[in-house]
Amino acid sequence: IHITTPGALLLTSRGVVPHLSPDHTAGRNKAQSIDIPFESFIENLPPIPVSYAHAAHAQPGKYNATTPLHSLLGYPADRTILSMCLRSLSDNASLAPSGHTYTCARCVRGMKKVMEVSAWTSYALSCAPDIVYALSDALVPGTRSQKRVTKSLERGARWLNDLMYAAQCQPTVNQSTSPATGPIPILLPMAGSLVPAARHAFAEQILEPFDERDSLRFGAKMNKLDDGVSGYVFELNGMRENSAEVDSTLPVPPSEENALHFGDAPTTPASLMRASLGPLPVQKPRYVRGVAGPHEILRLVRDVGVDVVDAWFAQVAANWGIELDFSFPVDASITGKRDLGHNLYAKEYAEDMHALSTVPKSEIVPLVHAQVDIGTWTEEAIEPEGPKRAYLHHLLHTHEMGAHALLVLHNLEVVDQFMKGVRGAIANNSFGSALVDFETAYREDSIGVEGCEPSGVFAEAKRMWHEVDMARGRGRLARER
């Protein structure tokens, strides 16, 4: 599967993109990356994906033993890359500190201790995703203890070592069927919290040559931890919080082997990322989770050279009834400042006949209830322009789930076109000027991150969404949950 970069990463709940069925996601008919947070499955032991994978391995003729996770969740294996992580990006709540042999996650029943880190390793390898995230010892917000930060770095390196060794010695379901696939690719969350020197130290730690014991464990194919890492992950949610309070007296020197620079203050998310990336090879992909919007994506592409960013902001916007409406490069016809989208809960859209032209026509089909209805409609009967804003306004105010499904499809297509424009601007060497034009044309509103409230059109839409949610009478959303 070929994924073009910079690209977008879809986030899921219990393995499903919110508001969409697997058929909708597969119907987008393009290569896509999807994150699967495993914590939403751990209320049952063994977790459902693990049980399915074991059944597939035991009865390969009855189940799909090659790609059990794709088969269980309904994603086409030929154009979908599933990456499995433990924690969900959408949950910013703090959990209890990790221990030497266990970490914590949040399932539907509340906080749960995954008592053994080895259990995560076994689960991940059994499910055979395309990519697996290594565990990280996330610090409790506000932690400034040097001893605690050092312990976090040591645990991150040790847990990575254990995952790499298990992946090499314990073949996944996929490898047992096709041994030529090799060890499962591993993404490494970069540790160090808000301390630039700690981030730099962690990067150097995974570049240190193996000692004699690890050399015997891994053989001649690997000489250091970084040899088993396929890419690096950055969680922006942990970088923004109180970043201005971090002691920046320990600058990190730039690497002479790459184009990274350290011109800005070392407490911004971009500079914290560069502190981690300084010693590391530049050819491995860089994943970023927790972006606040398109403005932040563009700046991270410019300042850090990120490869894959999550589309969570677009999915949240669809939850609140927002139709995203931005493009990159900016259309020449745009004058003045514009919002990033339209709040379709607002009364002004009650009779707006503009269409959501980005919704694929293949996703809008009549529902046939009986044999007598077959043949009463044709493809030509479907509006070629897509559903109208007035129609979405009506669906939102009547609590119809189809409204959010259509908005998710639309918003994800907007993000896809946006990332395509970014790739084109980079190829044409016009990215810098196009970024300036984008900042001039669109207000930098946010869905609200790190405990901050949403701003601009997102704040207005969330308020109106809440009013409809709490409205009394038939159809109240609280009864549907």
Protein backbone atom coordinates (compact mmCIF):
# COMPACT_ATOMS: atom_id res chain seq x y z
CA ILE A 1 0.00 0.00 0.00
CA HIS A 2 1.38 3.39 -0.98
CA ILE A 3 0.46 6.29 1.33
CA THR A 4 1.41 9.73 0.06
CA THR A 5 2.77 12.22 2.59
CA PRO A 6 1.99 14.58 4.15
CA GLY A 7 -1.19 12.61 4.77
CA ALA A 8 -4.07 12.27 7.23
CA LEU A 9 -4.75 9.66 9.90
CA LEU A 10 -8.33 8.70 10.82
CA LEU A 11 -9.18 7.97 14.45
CA THR A 12 -11.69 5.39 15.64
CA SER A 13 -13.76 4.31 18.63
CA ARG A 14 -13.99 0.54 19.18
CA GLY A 15 -12.42 0.15 15.77
CA VAL A 16 -14.99 2.22 13.86
CA VAL A 17 -14.73 5.78 12.54
CA PRO A 18 -17.46 7.61 14.52
CA HIS A 19 -20.74 8.02 12.57
CA LEU A 20 -19.51 5.84 9.69
CA SER A 21 -20.01 2.18 8.97
CA PRO A 22 -17.07 0.12 7.69
CA ASP A 23 -18.76 0.22 4.27
CA HIS A 24 -18.64 4.02 4.31
CA THR A 25 -14.96 4.02 5.22
CA ALA A 26 -14.12 1.39 2.62
CA GLY A 27 -16.27 3.24 0.08
CA ARG A 28 -13.91 6.20 0.15
CA ASN A 29 -11.98 4.04 -2.32
CA LYS A 30 -8.51 5.33 -1.51
CA ALA A 31 -5.51 4.26 0.51
CA GLN A 32 -5.92 5.48 4.07
CA SER A 33 -4.33 5.21 7.50
CA ILE A 34 -6.56 4.39 10.48
CA ASP A 35 -5.67 4.34 14.19
CA ILE A 36 -7.22 1.62 16.37
CA PRO A 37 -7.07 2.48 20.13
CA PHE A 38 -6.98 -0.87 21.89
CA GLU A 39 -8.23 0.46 25.25
CA SER A 40 -11.83 0.44 24.00
CA PHE A 41 -11.69 -3.37 23.83
CA ILE A 42 -10.09 -4.26 27.16
CA GLU A 43 -13.25 -4.37 29.29
CA ASN A 44 -13.45 -8.04 28.23
CA LEU A 45 -10.66 -10.55 28.73
CA PRO A 46 -9.47 -11.75 26.36
CA PRO A 47 -10.33 -8.72 24.21
CA ILE A 48 -12.57 -9.42 21.22
CA PRO A 49 -9.88 -8.73 18.54
CA VAL A 50 -7.55 -11.16 20.31
CA SER A 51 -10.23 -13.86 20.53
CA TYR A 52 -11.00 -13.43 16.83
CA ALA A 53 -7.31 -13.59 15.92
CA HIS A 54 -6.84 -16.80 17.90
CA ALA A 55 -9.90 -18.33 16.23
CA ALA A 56 -8.58 -17.29 12.82
CA HIS A 57 -5.21 -18.82 13.59
CA ALA A 58 -6.84 -22.07 14.75
CA GLN A 59 -9.28 -22.28 11.82
CA PRO A 60 -7.67 -20.47 8.87
CA GLY A 61 -10.17 -21.98 6.45
CA LYS A 62 -13.12 -20.49 8.31
CA TYR A 63 -11.64 -17.11 9.25
CA ASN A 64 -9.18 -14.73 7.61
CA ALA A 65 -5.93 -15.69 9.29
CA THR A 66 -3.77 -13.36 7.19
CA THR A 67 -5.30 -10.05 8.29
CA PRO A 68 -7.60 -10.86 11.22
CA LEU A 69 -7.96 -7.28 12.46
CA HIS A 70 -8.97 -6.00 9.02
CA SER A 71 -11.43 -8.85 8.67
CA LEU A 72 -13.02 -8.32 12.10
CA LEU A 73 -13.49 -4.56 11.65
CA GLY A 74 -14.46 -4.71 7.98
CA TYR A 75 -11.61 -2.73 6.43
CA PRO A 76 -10.18 -3.77 3.04
CA ALA A 77 -6.62 -4.96 3.62
CA ASP A 78 -5.49 -3.89 0.14
CA ARG A 79 -5.95 -0.16 0.77
CA THR A 80 -6.12 0.34 4.54
CA ILE A 81 -3.22 0.60 6.98
CA LEU A 82 -4.37 -0.17 10.52
CA SER A 83 -2.10 1.07 13.31
CA MET A 84 -2.83 -0.16 16.84
CA CYS A 85 -2.15 2.01 19.88
CA LEU A 86 -3.15 1.52 23.52
CA ARG A 87 -4.59 4.95 24.39
CA SER A 88 -7.19 6.93 22.46
CA LEU A 89 -6.22 10.40 21.33
CA SER A 90 -9.76 11.66 21.96
CA ASP A 91 -9.40 11.00 25.71
CA ASN A 92 -7.23 13.68 27.31
CA ALA A 93 -8.02 12.64 30.89
CA SER A 94 -5.04 11.92 33.11
CA LEU A 95 -4.57 8.39 34.41
CA ALA A 96 -2.67 6.94 37.34
CA PRO A 97 1.11 6.72 36.90
CA SER A 98 2.54 3.64 35.23
CA GLY A 99 4.66 1.11 37.07
CA HIS A 100 7.71 -0.86 36.03
CA THR A 101 5.66 -3.74 34.64
CA TYR A 102 2.25 -2.22 33.97
CA THR A 103 0.58 0.81 32.46
CA CYS A 104 -2.95 2.20 32.61
CA ALA A 105 -5.70 2.69 30.06
CA ARG A 106 -9.35 3.79 30.10
CA CYS A 107 -12.02 1.38 28.92
CA VAL A 108 -15.80 1.92 28.86
CA ARG A 109 -15.93 0.91 32.52
CA GLY A 110 -13.35 3.44 33.67
CA MET A 111 -9.62 3.25 34.33
CA LYS A 112 -8.08 -0.18 33.98
CA LYS A 113 -4.59 -1.33 34.74
CA VAL A 114 -3.01 -3.44 32.04
CA MET A 115 -1.07 -5.24 34.75
CA GLU A 116 1.67 -6.59 32.55
CA VAL A 117 3.31 -4.69 29.74
CA SER A 118 3.90 -8.13 28.23
CA ALA A 119 0.11 -8.47 27.87
CA TRP A 120 0.02 -5.49 25.50
CA THR A 121 2.84 -7.01 23.50
CA SER A 122 1.01 -10.32 23.23
CA TYR A 123 -2.30 -8.65 22.30
CA ALA A 124 -0.73 -6.44 19.64
CA LEU A 125 1.17 -9.24 17.96
CA SER A 126 -1.84 -11.57 18.04
CA CYS A 127 -4.10 -9.04 16.30
CA ALA A 128 -1.54 -8.54 13.51
CA PRO A 129 -2.20 -4.88 12.65
CA ASP A 130 -0.12 -3.29 9.92
CA ILE A 131 1.67 -1.09 12.48
CA VAL A 132 1.90 -1.21 16.28
CA TYR A 133 2.74 1.62 18.68
CA ALA A 134 5.30 0.98 21.38
CA LEU A 135 4.16 1.82 24.90
CA SER A 136 5.25 5.08 26.48
CA ASP A 137 5.36 6.06 30.14
CA ALA A 138 3.26 9.21 29.90
CA LEU A 139 3.91 11.69 32.68
CA VAL A 140 1.14 13.14 34.83
CA PRO A 141 0.58 16.79 33.74
CA GLY A 142 2.68 19.15 35.80
CA THR A 143 5.47 16.65 36.55
CA ARG A 144 8.80 18.47 36.91
CA SER A 145 10.82 15.90 38.86
CA GLN A 146 14.09 15.07 37.13
CA LYS A 147 14.02 11.59 38.70
CA ARG A 148 10.51 10.94 37.36
CA VAL A 149 11.42 12.18 33.87
CA THR A 150 14.54 9.99 33.84
CA LYS A 151 12.49 6.97 34.90
CA SER A 152 10.05 7.69 32.06
CA LEU A 153 12.87 7.63 29.51
CA GLU A 154 14.26 4.37 30.88
CA ARG A 155 10.86 2.67 30.79
CA GLY A 156 10.19 3.84 27.25
CA ALA A 157 13.47 2.35 26.04
CA ARG A 158 13.00 -0.90 27.98
CA TRP A 159 9.42 -1.39 26.76
CA LEU A 160 10.55 -0.76 23.18
CA ASN A 161 13.31 -3.34 23.62
CA ASP A 162 10.81 -5.93 24.89
CA LEU A 163 8.36 -5.25 22.04
CA MET A 164 11.08 -5.55 19.41
CA TYR A 165 12.31 -8.83 20.87
CA ALA A 166 8.78 -10.26 21.09
CA ALA A 167 8.04 -9.20 17.51
CA GLN A 168 11.18 -10.98 16.38
CA CYS A 169 10.62 -14.17 18.39
CA GLN A 170 6.83 -14.48 18.48
CA PRO A 171 5.48 -14.30 14.93
CA THR A 172 2.16 -12.57 14.42
CA VAL A 173 -0.83 -14.31 12.84
CA ASN A 174 0.11 -12.59 9.60
CA GLN A 175 3.68 -13.86 9.75
CA SER A 176 2.62 -17.41 10.56
CA THR A 177 0.72 -17.42 7.26
CA SER A 178 3.23 -15.39 5.25
CA PRO A 179 6.66 -15.56 6.92
CA ALA A 180 8.16 -13.28 4.29
CA THR A 181 6.36 -10.26 5.78
CA GLY A 182 9.02 -9.86 8.49
CA PRO A 183 8.64 -8.28 11.94
CA ILE A 184 5.71 -5.93 12.41
CA PRO A 185 6.61 -2.22 11.93
CA ILE A 186 6.83 -0.31 15.22
CA LEU A 187 6.08 3.37 15.82
CA LEU A 188 7.85 4.91 18.81
CA PRO A 189 6.22 7.69 20.89
CA MET A 190 9.03 10.13 21.65
CA ALA A 191 9.48 10.57 25.40
CA GLY A 192 10.78 13.54 27.35
CA SER A 193 7.63 15.49 28.13
CA LEU A 194 8.22 19.26 28.06
CA VAL A 195 11.98 19.15 28.70
CA PRO A 196 14.05 19.64 25.52
CA ALA A 197 17.19 18.11 27.05
CA ALA A 198 15.25 15.01 28.11
CA ARG A 199 13.80 14.60 24.62
CA HIS A 200 17.25 14.88 23.10
CA ALA A 201 18.61 12.36 25.62
CA PHE A 202 15.89 9.83 24.77
CA ALA A 203 16.68 10.14 21.06
CA GLU A 204 20.36 9.52 21.75
CA GLN A 205 19.48 6.59 24.01
CA ILE A 206 17.76 4.66 21.22
CA LEU A 207 20.81 5.30 19.00
CA GLU A 208 23.28 3.79 21.46
CA PRO A 209 24.83 0.46 20.32
CA PHE A 210 23.49 -2.67 22.00
CA ASP A 211 25.40 -4.15 24.88
CA GLU A 212 26.58 -7.76 24.67
CA ARG A 213 23.32 -9.18 26.04
CA ASP A 214 21.10 -7.36 23.54
CA SER A 215 23.49 -8.12 20.70
CA LEU A 216 22.97 -11.82 21.38
CA ARG A 217 19.18 -11.36 21.64
CA PHE A 218 18.75 -9.52 18.35
CA GLY A 219 21.59 -10.94 16.29
CA ALA A 220 23.45 -9.17 13.52
CA LYS A 221 20.36 -7.60 11.92
CA MET A 222 20.01 -4.94 14.63
CA ASN A 223 22.72 -2.94 16.34
CA LYS A 224 20.59 -0.44 18.28
CA LEU A 225 16.98 0.19 19.28
CA ASP A 226 16.39 2.60 16.43
CA ASP A 227 17.00 -0.21 13.94
CA GLY A 228 13.68 -1.74 15.01
CA VAL A 229 11.73 1.52 14.81
CA SER A 230 9.83 2.35 11.61
CA GLY A 231 8.69 5.85 12.59
CA TYR A 232 8.33 8.39 15.37
CA VAL A 233 5.14 9.59 17.07
CA PHE A 234 4.51 12.92 18.78
CA GLU A 235 1.51 13.54 21.04
CA LEU A 236 0.82 17.28 20.89
CA ASN A 237 -1.61 17.08 23.80
CA GLY A 238 1.30 16.49 26.14
CA MET A 239 3.46 19.23 24.62
CA ARG A 240 1.17 22.23 24.89
CA GLU A 241 0.27 22.05 28.56
CA ASN A 242 2.13 24.71 30.55
CA SER A 243 4.91 24.64 27.97
CA ALA A 244 5.70 28.29 28.70
CA GLU A 245 6.66 27.35 32.29
CA VAL A 246 9.32 24.84 31.30
CA ASP A 247 12.91 25.71 32.08
CA SER A 248 14.58 26.28 28.73
CA THR A 249 18.10 26.85 30.04
CA LEU A 250 19.33 23.61 28.46
CA PRO A 251 19.44 24.28 24.72
CA VAL A 252 19.83 21.36 22.37
CA PRO A 253 22.43 21.80 19.62
CA PRO A 254 21.24 21.27 16.05
CA SER A 255 22.39 18.22 14.16
CA GLU A 256 24.75 18.84 11.28
CA GLU A 257 23.42 15.79 9.44
CA ASN A 258 19.97 17.18 8.66
CA ALA A 259 18.20 20.42 7.91
CA LEU A 260 16.60 20.88 11.35
CA HIS A 261 17.12 24.23 13.02
CA PHE A 262 16.50 25.61 16.48
CA GLY A 263 15.70 29.25 15.83
CA ASP A 264 12.58 29.63 17.98
CA ALA A 265 11.97 29.28 21.71
CA PRO A 266 12.64 25.71 22.91
CA THR A 267 9.26 25.39 24.67
CA THR A 268 6.95 25.36 21.65
CA PRO A 269 5.63 22.03 20.33
CA ALA A 270 7.66 22.43 17.13
CA SER A 271 10.92 23.02 18.98
CA LEU A 272 10.24 20.16 21.39
CA MET A 273 9.77 17.91 18.38
CA ARG A 274 13.03 19.14 16.87
CA ALA A 275 14.81 18.40 20.13
CA SER A 276 13.73 14.77 19.71
CA LEU A 277 14.44 14.59 15.99
CA GLY A 278 17.85 16.25 16.04
CA PRO A 279 19.98 13.08 16.38
CA LEU A 280 17.57 10.77 14.51
CA PRO A 281 17.61 9.76 10.83
CA VAL A 282 15.49 11.99 8.62
CA GLN A 283 14.12 9.27 6.33
CA LYS A 284 11.73 7.70 8.86
CA PRO A 285 8.13 8.99 8.92
CA ARG A 286 6.98 11.40 11.61
CA TYR A 287 3.47 10.95 12.99
CA VAL A 288 1.72 13.74 14.89
CA ARG A 289 -1.47 13.24 16.90
CA GLY A 290 -3.58 15.98 18.47
CA VAL A 291 -3.39 18.81 15.92
CA ALA A 292 -5.82 21.66 16.59
CA GLY A 293 -6.57 22.58 12.98
CA PRO A 294 -5.19 23.22 9.49
CA HIS A 295 -3.07 26.21 10.54
CA GLU A 296 -1.13 24.06 12.98
CA ILE A 297 -0.71 21.33 10.36
CA LEU A 298 0.84 23.77 7.91
CA ARG A 299 3.25 25.16 10.49
CA LEU A 300 4.34 21.67 11.55
CA VAL A 301 4.96 20.72 7.92
CA ARG A 302 7.05 23.87 7.51
CA ASP A 303 8.95 23.74 10.82
CA VAL A 304 9.34 20.00 11.44
CA GLY A 305 8.55 18.22 8.19
CA VAL A 306 5.80 15.98 9.61
CA ASP A 307 4.53 13.16 7.40
CA VAL A 308 1.22 12.00 8.92
CA VAL A 309 -1.20 14.05 11.03
CA ASP A 310 -4.50 13.02 12.58
CA ALA A 311 -7.84 14.30 11.26
CA TRP A 312 -9.51 14.36 14.68
CA PHE A 313 -10.34 18.07 14.43
CA ALA A 314 -12.38 17.37 11.28
CA GLN A 315 -14.19 14.48 12.96
CA VAL A 316 -15.02 16.62 16.01
CA ALA A 317 -16.28 19.38 13.73
CA ALA A 318 -18.73 16.91 12.18
CA ASN A 319 -19.93 15.97 15.67
CA TRP A 320 -20.86 19.62 16.24
CA GLY A 321 -22.57 20.11 12.89
CA ILE A 322 -19.77 22.00 11.16
CA GLU A 323 -19.22 21.78 7.42
CA LEU A 324 -15.52 22.48 6.89
CA ASP A 325 -14.87 24.85 4.02
CA PHE A 326 -11.21 25.65 3.36
CA SER A 327 -8.69 24.85 0.68
CA PHE A 328 -4.94 24.95 0.16
CA PRO A 329 -3.65 26.77 -1.77
CA VAL A 330 -6.26 29.46 -1.17
CA ASP A 331 -8.71 30.11 -3.98
CA ALA A 332 -7.91 33.42 -5.65
CA SER A 333 -11.56 34.50 -5.39
CA ILE A 334 -11.45 34.59 -1.57
CA THR A 335 -11.23 38.09 -0.09
CA GLY A 336 -11.03 39.05 3.57
CA LYS A 337 -10.99 36.72 6.58
CA ARG A 338 -13.21 33.65 6.48
CA ASP A 339 -14.18 30.98 9.00
CA LEU A 340 -12.83 27.48 8.50
CA GLY A 341 -16.36 26.14 8.16
CA HIS A 342 -20.09 26.68 8.47
CA ASN A 343 -22.17 26.05 11.58
CA LEU A 344 -25.14 24.27 10.02
CA TYR A 345 -27.14 24.52 13.25
CA ALA A 346 -27.49 28.27 12.60
CA LYS A 347 -30.84 29.57 11.30
CA GLU A 348 -29.19 31.22 8.31
CA TYR A 349 -28.75 27.77 6.72
CA ALA A 350 -32.42 26.76 7.02
CA GLU A 351 -33.00 27.66 3.36
CA ASP A 352 -29.42 27.54 2.04
CA MET A 353 -29.37 25.48 -1.16
CA HIS A 354 -25.59 25.23 -1.47
CA ALA A 355 -24.53 21.58 -1.73
CA LEU A 356 -21.90 19.49 0.01
CA SER A 357 -20.23 18.70 -3.27
CA THR A 358 -17.41 16.69 -1.68
CA VAL A 359 -19.66 13.86 -0.42
CA PRO A 360 -19.14 10.89 -2.76
CA LYS A 361 -22.27 10.17 -4.79
CA SER A 362 -21.79 6.46 -4.16
CA GLU A 363 -22.51 7.02 -0.45
CA ILE A 364 -25.98 8.52 -1.07
CA VAL A 365 -28.39 5.82 -2.15
CA PRO A 366 -32.12 5.31 -1.54
CA LEU A 367 -33.17 2.78 1.06
CA VAL A 368 -35.21 -0.02 -0.50
CA HIS A 369 -37.62 -1.49 2.05
CA ALA A 370 -39.36 -4.13 -0.06
CA GLN A 371 -39.20 -5.99 -3.35
CA VAL A 372 -41.89 -3.74 -4.80
CA ASP A 373 -39.59 -0.73 -4.40
CA ILE A 374 -36.79 -2.23 -6.48
CA GLY A 375 -36.52 -0.47 -9.82
CA THR A 376 -38.44 2.62 -8.69
CA TRP A 377 -35.28 4.74 -8.62
CA THR A 378 -32.25 5.24 -10.83
CA GLU A 379 -28.76 6.61 -10.38
CA GLU A 380 -29.85 9.74 -12.25
CA ALA A 381 -32.49 10.40 -9.60
CA ILE A 382 -29.79 11.15 -7.04
CA GLU A 383 -28.92 14.84 -6.94
CA PRO A 384 -25.56 15.16 -8.70
CA GLU A 385 -24.50 18.09 -6.50
CA GLY A 386 -24.89 16.24 -3.21
CA PRO A 387 -27.08 17.06 -0.18
CA LYS A 388 -27.96 20.71 0.48
CA ARG A 389 -27.02 22.68 3.58
CA ALA A 390 -30.71 23.25 4.31
CA TYR A 391 -31.24 19.49 4.33
CA LEU A 392 -28.34 19.02 6.76
CA HIS A 393 -29.73 21.84 8.93
CA HIS A 394 -33.05 19.99 9.13
CA LEU A 395 -31.40 16.65 9.92
CA LEU A 396 -29.28 18.18 12.69
CA HIS A 397 -32.26 19.78 14.42
CA THR A 398 -34.24 16.55 14.26
CA HIS A 399 -31.39 14.46 15.71
CA GLU A 400 -30.94 12.39 12.56
CA MET A 401 -27.70 10.41 12.64
CA GLY A 402 -27.38 10.69 8.87
CA ALA A 403 -26.45 14.36 9.25
CA HIS A 404 -23.25 13.54 11.10
CA ALA A 405 -22.41 10.70 8.72
CA LEU A 406 -22.66 13.05 5.73
CA LEU A 407 -20.62 15.72 7.52
CA VAL A 408 -17.88 13.24 8.44
CA LEU A 409 -17.63 12.11 4.81
CA HIS A 410 -17.52 15.73 3.68
CA ASN A 411 -14.98 16.91 6.27
CA LEU A 412 -12.62 14.00 5.66
CA GLU A 413 -12.74 14.71 1.94
CA VAL A 414 -11.92 18.38 2.66
CA VAL A 415 -8.91 17.25 4.71
CA ASP A 416 -7.81 14.87 1.94
CA GLN A 417 -7.97 17.66 -0.65
CA PHE A 418 -6.17 19.98 1.77
CA MET A 419 -3.30 17.49 2.19
CA LYS A 420 -3.20 16.97 -1.57
CA GLY A 421 -2.78 20.72 -1.96
CA VAL A 422 0.04 20.70 0.60
CA ARG A 423 1.87 17.99 -1.34
CA GLY A 424 1.40 19.93 -4.57
CA ALA A 425 2.70 23.17 -3.07
CA ILE A 426 5.78 21.40 -1.72
CA ALA A 427 6.43 19.86 -5.12
CA ASN A 428 6.08 23.28 -6.78
CA ASN A 429 8.28 25.05 -4.20
CA SER A 430 5.41 27.43 -3.39
CA PHE A 431 4.57 26.16 0.09
CA GLY A 432 5.90 29.18 2.00
CA SER A 433 3.90 31.78 0.10
CA ALA A 434 0.80 29.56 0.07
CA LEU A 435 1.01 29.27 3.87
CA VAL A 436 1.07 33.05 4.24
CA ASP A 437 -1.96 33.33 1.97
CA PHE A 438 -3.81 30.70 4.02
CA GLU A 439 -3.12 32.51 7.31
CA THR A 440 -4.37 35.72 5.72
CA ALA A 441 -7.56 34.18 4.31
CA TYR A 442 -8.78 32.00 7.22
CA ARG A 443 -9.31 32.68 10.92
CA GLU A 444 -7.34 30.35 13.15
CA ASP A 445 -10.21 28.87 15.15
CA SER A 446 -9.70 25.73 17.22
CA ILE A 447 -11.79 22.79 18.44
CA GLY A 448 -10.23 23.31 21.88
CA VAL A 449 -7.18 21.36 23.02
CA GLU A 450 -5.38 20.84 26.34
CA GLY A 451 -8.43 21.88 28.33
CA CYS A 452 -8.95 25.10 26.34
CA GLU A 453 -12.42 25.99 25.13
CA PRO A 454 -13.23 25.96 21.40
CA SER A 455 -13.02 29.28 19.61
CA GLY A 456 -14.80 31.02 16.75
CA VAL A 457 -17.18 28.96 14.66
CA PHE A 458 -16.31 25.83 16.66
CA ALA A 459 -17.42 27.45 19.94
CA GLU A 460 -20.68 28.64 18.41
CA ALA A 461 -21.43 25.24 16.89
CA LYS A 462 -20.65 23.37 20.11
CA ARG A 463 -22.99 25.66 22.07
CA MET A 464 -25.86 25.15 19.61
CA TRP A 465 -25.18 21.40 19.43
CA HIS A 466 -25.47 21.26 23.23
CA GLU A 467 -28.75 23.19 23.14
CA VAL A 468 -30.25 20.71 20.68
CA ASP A 469 -28.83 17.82 22.70
CA MET A 470 -30.56 19.04 25.85
CA ALA A 471 -33.85 19.98 24.19
CA ARG A 472 -36.85 18.36 25.83
CA GLY A 473 -39.38 16.28 24.01
CA ARG A 474 -39.40 13.34 21.71
CA GLY A 475 -36.06 12.48 20.17
CA ARG A 476 -33.89 13.79 22.98
CA LEU A 477 -30.35 12.57 22.37
CA ALA A 478 -29.89 11.45 25.97
CA ARG A 479 -32.44 8.70 25.36
CA GLU A 480 -30.54 7.47 22.32
CA ARG A 481 -27.27 6.89 24.16
